[in-house]
């Protein structure tokens, strides 16, 4: 989307080209940001699951599991 906005901005200078560049770049960058935030949230969930498993191990064995 960002690339399409850049191409339209280059091929059609003037009012429409600038608007198309802004729309394409804004939409593309927002999709990239959303994807990055989703990955960040998923990695945080995995970390919470590992922490919970370590706490359960601690309750059963009385010691904290060693980091691998």
C-alpha atoms as a PDB file:
ATOM      1  CA  UNK A   1       0.000   0.000   0.000  1.00  0.00           C
ATOM      2  CA  UNK A   2       2.836   2.360   0.831  1.00  0.00           C
ATOM      3  CA  UNK A   3       4.587   1.466  -2.416  1.00  0.00           C
ATOM      4  CA  UNK A   4       1.382   2.040  -4.399  1.00  0.00           C
ATOM      5  CA  UNK A   5       0.995   5.466  -2.790  1.00  0.00           C
ATOM      6  CA  UNK A   6       4.587   6.370  -3.679  1.00  0.00           C
ATOM      7  CA  UNK A   7       4.142   5.201  -7.280  1.00  0.00           C
ATOM      8  CA  UNK A   8       0.918   7.163  -7.747  1.00  0.00           C
ATOM      9  CA  UNK A   9       2.533  10.189  -6.094  1.00  0.00           C
ATOM     10  CA  UNK A  10       5.437  10.040  -8.557  1.00  0.00           C
ATOM     11  CA  UNK A  11       3.382   9.299 -11.684  1.00  0.00           C
ATOM     12  CA  UNK A  12       0.656  11.841 -10.995  1.00  0.00           C
ATOM     13  CA  UNK A  13       2.155  14.987  -9.492  1.00  0.00           C
ATOM     14  CA  UNK A  14      -0.281  17.631  -8.380  1.00  0.00           C
ATOM     15  CA  UNK A  15      -3.354  17.495  -6.212  1.00  0.00           C
ATOM     16  CA  UNK A  16      -4.424  13.894  -6.818  1.00  0.00           C
ATOM     17  CA  UNK A  17      -0.879  12.520  -6.589  1.00  0.00           C
ATOM     18  CA  UNK A  18      -0.248  14.126  -3.224  1.00  0.00           C
ATOM     19  CA  UNK A  19      -3.590  12.926  -1.888  1.00  0.00           C
ATOM     20  CA  UNK A  20      -3.028   9.398  -3.213  1.00  0.00           C
ATOM     21  CA  UNK A  21       0.446   9.311  -1.664  1.00  0.00           C
ATOM     22  CA  UNK A  22      -0.899  10.444   1.705  1.00  0.00           C
ATOM     23  CA  UNK A  23      -3.762   7.922   1.629  1.00  0.00           C
ATOM     24  CA  UNK A  24      -1.580   5.020   0.477  1.00  0.00           C
ATOM     25  CA  UNK A  25       1.259   5.760   2.887  1.00  0.00           C
ATOM     26  CA  UNK A  26      -1.095   6.329   5.815  1.00  0.00           C
ATOM     27  CA  UNK A  27      -3.088   3.166   5.167  1.00  0.00           C
ATOM     28  CA  UNK A  28       0.015   1.045   4.611  1.00  0.00           C
ATOM     29  CA  UNK A  29       1.787   2.315   7.700  1.00  0.00           C
ATOM     30  CA  UNK A  30      -1.318   1.789   9.827  1.00  0.00           C
ATOM     31  CA  UNK A  31      -1.519  -1.840   8.652  1.00  0.00           C
ATOM     32  CA  UNK A  32       2.167  -2.329   9.540  1.00  0.00           C
ATOM     33  CA  UNK A  33       1.643  -0.768  12.971  1.00  0.00           C
ATOM     34  CA  UNK A  34      -1.414  -2.933  13.636  1.00  0.00           C
ATOM     35  CA  UNK A  35       0.535  -6.068  12.703  1.00  0.00           C
ATOM     36  CA  UNK A  36       3.413  -5.087  14.983  1.00  0.00           C
ATOM     37  CA  UNK A  37       1.046  -4.423  17.888  1.00  0.00           C
ATOM     38  CA  UNK A  38      -0.641  -7.808  17.367  1.00  0.00           C
ATOM     39  CA  UNK A  39       2.729  -9.584  17.453  1.00  0.00           C
ATOM     40  CA  UNK A  40       3.666  -7.675  20.588  1.00  0.00           C
ATOM     41  CA  UNK A  41       0.426  -8.730  22.292  1.00  0.00           C
ATOM     42  CA  UNK A  42       0.864 -12.373  21.300  1.00  0.00           C
ATOM     43  CA  UNK A  43       4.435 -12.475  22.625  1.00  0.00           C
ATOM     44  CA  UNK A  44       3.235 -10.994  25.926  1.00  0.00           C
ATOM     45  CA  UNK A  45       0.614 -13.728  26.185  1.00  0.00           C
ATOM     46  CA  UNK A  46       3.269 -16.427  25.721  1.00  0.00           C
ATOM     47  CA  UNK A  47       5.380 -14.833  28.433  1.00  0.00           C
ATOM     48  CA  UNK A  48       2.417 -14.863  30.847  1.00  0.00           C
ATOM     49  CA  UNK A  49       1.790 -18.538  30.087  1.00  0.00           C
ATOM     50  CA  UNK A  50       5.451 -19.398  30.827  1.00  0.00           C
ATOM     51  CA  UNK A  51       5.281 -17.440  34.082  1.00  0.00           C
ATOM     52  CA  UNK A  52       2.117 -19.269  35.128  1.00  0.00           C
ATOM     53  CA  UNK A  53       3.689 -22.653  34.329  1.00  0.00           C
ATOM     54  CA  UNK A  54       6.764 -21.709  36.394  1.00  0.00           C
ATOM     55  CA  UNK A  55       4.561 -20.739  39.349  1.00  0.00           C
ATOM     56  CA  UNK A  56       2.709 -24.063  39.165  1.00  0.00           C
ATOM     57  CA  UNK A  57       6.063 -25.872  39.077  1.00  0.00           C
ATOM     58  CA  UNK A  58       7.154 -23.889  42.129  1.00  0.00           C
ATOM     59  CA  UNK A  59       3.994 -24.852  44.020  1.00  0.00           C
ATOM     60  CA  UNK A  60       4.501 -28.570  43.253  1.00  0.00           C
ATOM     61  CA  UNK A  61       8.283 -28.795  43.798  1.00  0.00           C
ATOM     62  CA  UNK A  62       9.095 -25.958  46.178  1.00  0.00           C
ATOM     63  CA  UNK A  63      11.766 -24.458  43.913  1.00  0.00           C
ATOM     64  CA  UNK A  64      11.759 -22.193  40.896  1.00  0.00           C
ATOM     65  CA  UNK A  65      12.476 -23.918  37.568  1.00  0.00           C
ATOM     66  CA  UNK A  66      15.859 -23.056  36.082  1.00  0.00           C
ATOM     67  CA  UNK A  67      15.942 -20.941  32.944  1.00  0.00           C
ATOM     68  CA  UNK A  68      16.789 -22.957  29.860  1.00  0.00           C
END
